[in-house]
């Protein structure tokens, strides 16, 4: 199947050089995977900004949150206890660290392509020990007049799902970790179903099972239960190694449409889609056999971590779906899709 994405000619929309570091002594290494929403008549991105100290020869250095500031950890590049062959993760003396520290930053646009940082909006940063290695990859859901921000909270204790809520993007309520490690890729539906909140999430298993997409229910959006696995990886496929939800599912007359990412054993990330029943989204009706979008352009193939297209944010306008996505773990880009075309590309499990 052909790639269905109509990429913006302006891509990349944002690069590390376009923003200023949050603190003196740090440099922005990557811009990644924005949450997306509309507010005050504009399109907004909640961009993950990954920073680290400027690297010095012979040393590996990285930041972690400590109290109200950060601590810079420095390790000799020749240290026998150091394993640093992955640009994203450092393993040192039986502990894992991230090479960068991420926070979330608000940018807005009147036309959906030219984004800037408005005045008066603070950065969203880690606030607790459970967020000491940063907060990442936020999904934004607007439900009952409230914006729900589900994000990846990272610390030496593991990777879990944090939640903050807001109505004005200046005042936030911290709900803490709503799903404990190891879990990420949490997207709350933008409508209650039979009076209940629903969310997709992704537990991670290193032994039995795998990195699969699950669905959960909640009476209040904070306490989650009735977990069911609905999407697994597929052997010898483009999504053979891991799968994870993108943004909040899109309601269509055929069902809830979810754009998701999948990766193969070579760590190449593509986008696909699946369709859930309107009344019971735990029932999957259809799924992509082939990606609807795969890394093709130079800015998707080469970067901090190449061969990656990854989304957790979009806006819709009738049949038009505008996806904002991270490319090569370094750039923020945009692409348009037809929802009808995506639906027509799916393989249905039974007659509708």
Protein backbone atom coordinates (compact mmCIF):
# COMPACT_ATOMS: atom_id res chain seq x y z
CA UNK A 1 0.00 0.00 0.00
CA UNK A 2 1.23 3.51 -0.77
CA UNK A 3 2.13 5.99 1.94
CA UNK A 4 -1.06 8.03 2.53
CA UNK A 5 0.59 11.10 4.06
CA UNK A 6 0.59 14.47 2.32
CA UNK A 7 3.61 15.99 4.04
CA UNK A 8 3.83 19.73 4.58
CA UNK A 9 6.19 21.38 2.11
CA UNK A 10 7.44 23.46 5.06
CA UNK A 11 8.78 20.37 6.91
CA UNK A 12 10.51 20.28 9.27
CA UNK A 13 8.27 22.81 11.00
CA UNK A 14 10.55 22.97 14.04
CA UNK A 15 14.19 22.02 14.64
CA UNK A 16 16.33 22.23 17.80
CA UNK A 17 17.93 25.45 16.56
CA UNK A 18 14.51 27.18 16.52
CA UNK A 19 14.15 27.25 20.33
CA UNK A 20 16.32 28.45 23.20
CA UNK A 21 17.51 26.08 25.96
CA UNK A 22 15.65 26.27 29.25
CA UNK A 23 18.83 26.82 31.28
CA UNK A 24 22.31 28.15 30.75
CA UNK A 25 24.79 25.34 30.14
CA UNK A 26 22.27 23.09 28.37
CA UNK A 27 21.72 22.56 24.67
CA UNK A 28 18.58 21.35 22.91
CA UNK A 29 19.31 18.00 21.30
CA UNK A 30 15.86 17.03 20.05
CA UNK A 31 12.31 18.24 19.55
CA UNK A 32 9.91 15.35 19.69
CA UNK A 33 6.33 14.11 19.45
CA UNK A 34 4.05 17.05 20.29
CA UNK A 35 0.66 16.83 21.90
CA UNK A 36 -1.79 18.89 19.84
CA UNK A 37 -4.94 20.86 20.66
CA UNK A 38 -6.92 23.94 19.67
CA UNK A 39 -7.31 26.84 22.08
CA UNK A 40 -8.07 30.54 21.75
CA UNK A 41 -8.63 30.17 17.99
CA UNK A 42 -5.15 28.75 17.37
CA UNK A 43 -3.46 25.40 16.84
CA UNK A 44 -1.14 24.56 19.73
CA UNK A 45 1.71 22.12 20.10
CA UNK A 46 2.95 20.81 23.44
CA UNK A 47 6.42 19.87 22.23
CA UNK A 48 8.78 17.58 24.07
CA UNK A 49 12.11 19.42 24.33
CA UNK A 50 15.09 17.19 25.15
CA UNK A 51 18.21 18.85 26.55
CA UNK A 52 21.65 17.87 27.77
CA UNK A 53 24.93 19.59 28.70
CA UNK A 54 27.33 20.40 25.92
CA UNK A 55 29.46 17.28 25.63
CA UNK A 56 33.17 17.42 26.39
CA UNK A 57 35.78 15.12 24.92
CA UNK A 58 36.39 12.06 27.07
CA UNK A 59 33.23 12.55 29.16
CA UNK A 60 29.61 11.47 28.98
CA UNK A 61 27.39 13.96 30.81
CA UNK A 62 23.63 14.12 31.31
CA UNK A 63 21.13 15.98 33.53
CA UNK A 64 18.60 14.74 36.08
CA UNK A 65 16.12 16.76 38.13
CA UNK A 66 17.10 17.38 41.76
CA UNK A 67 14.87 19.52 43.95
CA UNK A 68 14.09 22.77 42.14
CA UNK A 69 17.12 22.45 39.86
CA UNK A 70 19.13 19.90 37.95
CA UNK A 71 22.20 17.82 38.66
CA UNK A 72 24.76 17.15 35.94
CA UNK A 73 26.24 13.65 36.13
CA UNK A 74 29.61 13.17 34.43
CA UNK A 75 31.16 9.79 33.63
CA UNK A 76 34.45 9.04 31.92
CA UNK A 77 33.82 7.72 28.43
CA UNK A 78 36.41 5.00 29.18
CA UNK A 79 34.74 3.81 32.38
CA UNK A 80 34.37 0.04 32.17
CA UNK A 81 31.00 0.21 33.96
CA UNK A 82 29.56 2.48 31.26
CA UNK A 83 27.42 1.22 28.39
CA UNK A 84 26.47 4.08 26.06
CA UNK A 85 25.89 2.55 22.62
CA UNK A 86 22.25 3.72 22.51
CA UNK A 87 21.93 7.50 21.92
CA UNK A 88 18.83 7.55 24.15
CA UNK A 89 19.83 5.51 27.22
CA UNK A 90 22.95 5.15 29.37
CA UNK A 91 23.55 2.08 31.50
CA UNK A 92 26.00 2.65 34.35
CA UNK A 93 26.69 0.46 37.41
CA UNK A 94 23.43 -1.48 37.13
CA UNK A 95 21.32 1.67 36.66
CA UNK A 96 19.72 3.17 33.57
CA UNK A 97 19.68 6.90 32.82
CA UNK A 98 18.44 8.98 29.91
CA UNK A 99 21.01 10.87 27.85
CA UNK A 100 18.70 13.89 27.84
CA UNK A 101 16.22 15.55 30.20
CA UNK A 102 12.83 16.40 28.64
CA UNK A 103 10.25 19.03 29.46
CA UNK A 104 7.13 20.16 27.58
CA UNK A 105 6.88 23.55 25.89
CA UNK A 106 3.86 25.36 24.42
CA UNK A 107 3.91 26.81 20.91
CA UNK A 108 0.98 28.14 18.88
CA UNK A 109 0.12 29.03 15.30
CA UNK A 110 -2.58 30.91 13.45
CA UNK A 111 -2.06 28.95 10.22
CA UNK A 112 -0.99 25.52 11.50
CA UNK A 113 2.50 25.72 10.01
CA UNK A 114 4.34 28.69 11.54
CA UNK A 115 4.68 28.10 15.27
CA UNK A 116 6.01 30.45 17.92
CA UNK A 117 6.29 30.60 21.71
CA UNK A 118 3.63 32.96 23.13
CA UNK A 119 4.37 35.08 26.17
CA UNK A 120 2.98 34.21 29.57
CA UNK A 121 3.01 30.40 29.31
CA UNK A 122 5.41 28.47 31.53
CA UNK A 123 7.32 25.33 30.62
CA UNK A 124 5.89 22.09 32.00
CA UNK A 125 8.66 20.27 33.82
CA UNK A 126 9.06 17.30 36.12
CA UNK A 127 7.91 18.08 39.65
CA UNK A 128 8.33 14.88 41.65
CA UNK A 129 10.89 12.13 42.17
CA UNK A 130 8.78 10.00 39.83
CA UNK A 131 9.60 12.58 37.10
CA UNK A 132 13.30 13.04 37.92
CA UNK A 133 14.42 11.93 34.44
CA UNK A 134 11.85 14.20 32.78
CA UNK A 135 8.35 14.18 31.29
CA UNK A 136 7.76 13.14 27.71
CA UNK A 137 5.34 12.59 24.80
CA UNK A 138 2.18 14.24 26.07
CA UNK A 139 -1.27 13.39 24.71
CA UNK A 140 -3.92 16.12 25.11
CA UNK A 141 -7.62 15.27 25.49
CA UNK A 142 -10.37 17.89 25.77
CA UNK A 143 -13.29 16.42 27.70
CA UNK A 144 -16.08 18.08 29.72
CA UNK A 145 -14.44 21.49 29.36
CA UNK A 146 -11.12 20.30 30.77
CA UNK A 147 -7.82 19.54 29.02
CA UNK A 148 -6.35 16.25 30.25
CA UNK A 149 -2.58 15.88 29.77
CA UNK A 150 -1.33 12.30 29.91
CA UNK A 151 2.43 12.05 29.65
CA UNK A 152 5.33 9.69 30.23
CA UNK A 153 6.93 10.23 33.65
CA UNK A 154 10.47 8.83 33.88
CA UNK A 155 12.72 8.15 36.87
CA UNK A 156 15.06 5.45 38.13
CA UNK A 157 11.91 3.72 39.40
CA UNK A 158 10.69 3.23 35.84
CA UNK A 159 8.39 4.70 33.22
CA UNK A 160 4.76 5.44 34.10
CA UNK A 161 1.81 7.63 33.09
CA UNK A 162 1.34 11.03 34.73
CA UNK A 163 -1.74 13.26 34.52
CA UNK A 164 -2.21 17.02 34.79
CA UNK A 165 -5.38 18.95 33.97
CA UNK A 166 -6.05 22.57 33.02
CA UNK A 167 -8.72 24.86 31.62
CA UNK A 168 -6.54 27.88 30.73
CA UNK A 169 -3.01 26.44 30.16
CA UNK A 170 -1.63 28.66 32.91
CA UNK A 171 -2.94 26.88 36.00
CA UNK A 172 -2.53 23.12 36.30
CA UNK A 173 -3.75 20.46 38.69
CA UNK A 174 -1.20 17.71 39.30
CA UNK A 175 -2.94 14.33 39.61
CA UNK A 176 0.29 12.33 39.95
CA UNK A 177 1.02 8.95 38.39
CA UNK A 178 -2.26 7.35 37.30
CA UNK A 179 -0.73 4.18 35.81
CA UNK A 180 2.50 2.84 37.38
CA UNK A 181 5.59 1.47 35.60
CA UNK A 182 6.16 0.15 33.18
CA UNK A 183 3.59 1.95 31.08
CA UNK A 184 3.32 4.76 28.53
CA UNK A 185 1.48 5.91 25.37
CA UNK A 186 -1.72 6.74 27.26
CA UNK A 187 -4.50 8.44 25.24
CA UNK A 188 -7.86 9.26 26.85
CA UNK A 189 -10.94 9.23 24.60
CA UNK A 190 -12.53 12.67 24.07
CA UNK A 191 -16.00 11.39 24.92
CA UNK A 192 -17.40 9.24 27.68
CA UNK A 193 -18.90 5.92 26.61
CA UNK A 194 -21.80 4.61 28.65
CA UNK A 195 -20.90 7.15 31.32
CA UNK A 196 -17.27 6.01 31.68
CA UNK A 197 -13.87 7.38 30.70
CA UNK A 198 -11.85 5.17 28.35
CA UNK A 199 -8.13 5.23 27.62
CA UNK A 200 -5.58 3.34 25.57
CA UNK A 201 -2.23 2.58 27.19
CA UNK A 202 0.85 0.43 26.67
CA UNK A 203 2.30 -1.79 29.40
CA UNK A 204 5.82 -3.00 28.64
CA UNK A 205 6.92 -6.58 29.18
CA UNK A 206 10.47 -7.83 28.91
CA UNK A 207 9.66 -11.49 29.50
CA UNK A 208 6.21 -13.02 28.94
CA UNK A 209 4.00 -11.01 26.60
CA UNK A 210 5.18 -7.91 24.78
CA UNK A 211 4.69 -4.20 24.12
CA UNK A 212 0.98 -4.24 23.28
CA UNK A 213 -1.90 -1.73 23.28
CA UNK A 214 -4.44 -2.14 26.09
CA UNK A 215 -7.71 -0.37 26.88
CA UNK A 216 -9.00 0.62 30.32
CA UNK A 217 -12.12 2.14 31.90
CA UNK A 218 -12.49 4.72 34.67
CA UNK A 219 -15.29 6.41 36.62
CA UNK A 220 -13.32 9.66 37.00
CA UNK A 221 -10.34 9.70 34.61
CA UNK A 222 -7.90 9.03 37.46
CA UNK A 223 -8.59 5.52 38.74
CA UNK A 224 -8.36 2.94 35.95
CA UNK A 225 -9.47 -0.70 35.74
CA UNK A 226 -11.03 -3.43 33.55
CA UNK A 227 -7.84 -3.54 31.48
CA UNK A 228 -7.96 -5.50 28.23
CA UNK A 229 -5.30 -6.09 25.59
CA UNK A 230 -6.65 -5.18 22.14
CA UNK A 231 -3.64 -4.81 19.78
CA UNK A 232 -0.54 -7.03 19.74
CA UNK A 233 2.58 -7.04 17.61
CA UNK A 234 2.70 -9.17 14.45
CA UNK A 235 5.57 -11.46 13.55
CA UNK A 236 7.60 -10.48 10.47
CA UNK A 237 5.55 -7.29 10.07
CA UNK A 238 6.29 -3.55 10.19
CA UNK A 239 4.92 -3.60 13.77
CA UNK A 240 6.65 -6.78 14.94
CA UNK A 241 8.56 -5.36 17.95
CA UNK A 242 6.22 -2.86 19.65
CA UNK A 243 3.01 -0.93 19.17
CA UNK A 244 1.63 2.11 20.97
CA UNK A 245 -1.32 4.50 20.78
CA UNK A 246 -1.08 7.93 19.22
CA UNK A 247 -3.51 10.68 20.23
CA UNK A 248 -7.13 10.38 21.37
CA UNK A 249 -9.20 8.20 19.02
CA UNK A 250 -11.28 9.93 16.35
CA UNK A 251 -15.04 9.28 16.36
CA UNK A 252 -16.36 8.26 12.93
CA UNK A 253 -19.64 6.71 11.79
CA UNK A 254 -17.78 3.40 11.39
CA UNK A 255 -16.18 3.40 14.84
CA UNK A 256 -13.37 4.93 16.89
CA UNK A 257 -10.34 5.40 14.60
CA UNK A 258 -6.94 5.27 16.29
CA UNK A 259 -3.64 6.22 14.66
CA UNK A 260 -0.86 4.19 16.26
CA UNK A 261 2.88 3.65 15.89
CA UNK A 262 4.57 0.35 15.28
CA UNK A 263 8.24 -0.58 15.21
CA UNK A 264 10.09 -3.57 13.83
CA UNK A 265 13.14 -5.33 15.25
CA UNK A 266 15.40 -2.82 13.44
CA UNK A 267 13.76 0.01 15.48
CA UNK A 268 12.13 1.55 12.41
CA UNK A 269 8.90 3.35 13.36
CA UNK A 270 5.86 3.70 11.08
CA UNK A 271 2.23 4.76 11.56
CA UNK A 272 -0.83 2.57 11.12
CA UNK A 273 -4.48 2.65 12.17
CA UNK A 274 -7.12 0.48 13.77
CA UNK A 275 -10.87 0.83 14.29
CA UNK A 276 -12.82 0.13 17.49
CA UNK A 277 -16.52 -0.43 18.09
CA UNK A 278 -18.40 2.77 19.03
CA UNK A 279 -20.22 1.27 22.02
CA UNK A 280 -17.48 -1.14 23.17
CA UNK A 281 -14.06 0.11 22.07
CA UNK A 282 -12.51 -3.04 23.51
CA UNK A 283 -13.69 -4.68 20.26
CA UNK A 284 -11.30 -4.07 17.35
CA UNK A 285 -13.10 -4.13 14.01
CA UNK A 286 -10.27 -3.45 11.56
CA UNK A 287 -6.54 -2.74 11.35
CA UNK A 288 -3.83 -1.65 8.90
CA UNK A 289 -1.98 -4.47 7.22
CA UNK A 290 0.60 -2.00 5.88
CA UNK A 291 1.65 1.39 7.28
CA UNK A 292 -0.30 4.48 6.34
CA UNK A 293 2.95 6.43 6.80
CA UNK A 294 6.57 5.34 6.90
CA UNK A 295 9.92 7.18 7.05
CA UNK A 296 10.72 8.37 3.53
CA UNK A 297 12.12 11.89 3.66
CA UNK A 298 15.67 12.76 4.71
CA UNK A 299 14.41 14.49 7.86
CA UNK A 300 12.66 11.22 8.83
CA UNK A 301 15.54 8.94 7.92
CA UNK A 302 18.41 10.91 9.49
CA UNK A 303 18.53 12.62 12.86
CA UNK A 304 19.10 11.86 16.52
CA UNK A 305 17.49 8.43 15.99
CA UNK A 306 16.71 7.81 12.32
CA UNK A 307 13.97 5.94 10.46
CA UNK A 308 11.25 7.25 12.77
CA UNK A 309 7.82 8.82 12.28
CA UNK A 310 5.93 9.03 15.59
CA UNK A 311 2.76 10.89 16.51
CA UNK A 312 0.75 11.63 19.62
CA UNK A 313 -1.15 14.68 18.34
CA UNK A 314 -3.58 15.72 15.61
CA UNK A 315 -6.48 18.00 14.72
CA UNK A 316 -9.48 17.17 12.53
CA UNK A 317 -11.59 19.25 10.17
CA UNK A 318 -14.30 17.14 8.57
CA UNK A 319 -12.54 14.46 6.53
CA UNK A 320 -9.16 16.20 6.86
CA UNK A 321 -6.83 14.85 9.52
CA UNK A 322 -3.71 16.91 10.24
CA UNK A 323 -1.11 14.92 12.09
CA UNK A 324 1.85 16.59 13.76
CA UNK A 325 4.65 14.12 14.27
CA UNK A 326 8.19 13.64 15.45
CA UNK A 327 10.70 12.78 12.72
CA UNK A 328 13.97 10.95 13.44
CA UNK A 329 13.58 11.85 17.14
CA UNK A 330 14.80 15.36 16.30
CA UNK A 331 12.28 17.39 14.27
CA UNK A 332 8.59 18.33 14.44
CA UNK A 333 6.73 17.93 11.16
CA UNK A 334 3.19 17.93 9.78
CA UNK A 335 1.16 15.89 7.29
CA UNK A 336 -2.45 15.72 6.13
CA UNK A 337 -4.55 12.61 5.59
CA UNK A 338 -8.06 11.79 4.47
CA UNK A 339 -9.97 9.97 7.22
CA UNK A 340 -12.08 8.21 4.58
CA UNK A 341 -8.95 7.05 2.80
CA UNK A 342 -7.51 5.65 6.03
CA UNK A 343 -10.78 3.82 6.78
CA UNK A 344 -10.84 2.37 3.26
CA UNK A 345 -7.28 1.09 3.67
CA UNK A 346 -8.07 -1.05 6.73
CA UNK A 347 -8.58 -4.81 6.72
CA UNK A 348 -11.88 -5.62 8.43
CA UNK A 349 -12.17 -8.70 10.65
CA UNK A 350 -15.82 -9.31 9.77
CA UNK A 351 -18.62 -7.72 7.73
CA UNK A 352 -19.83 -4.32 8.91
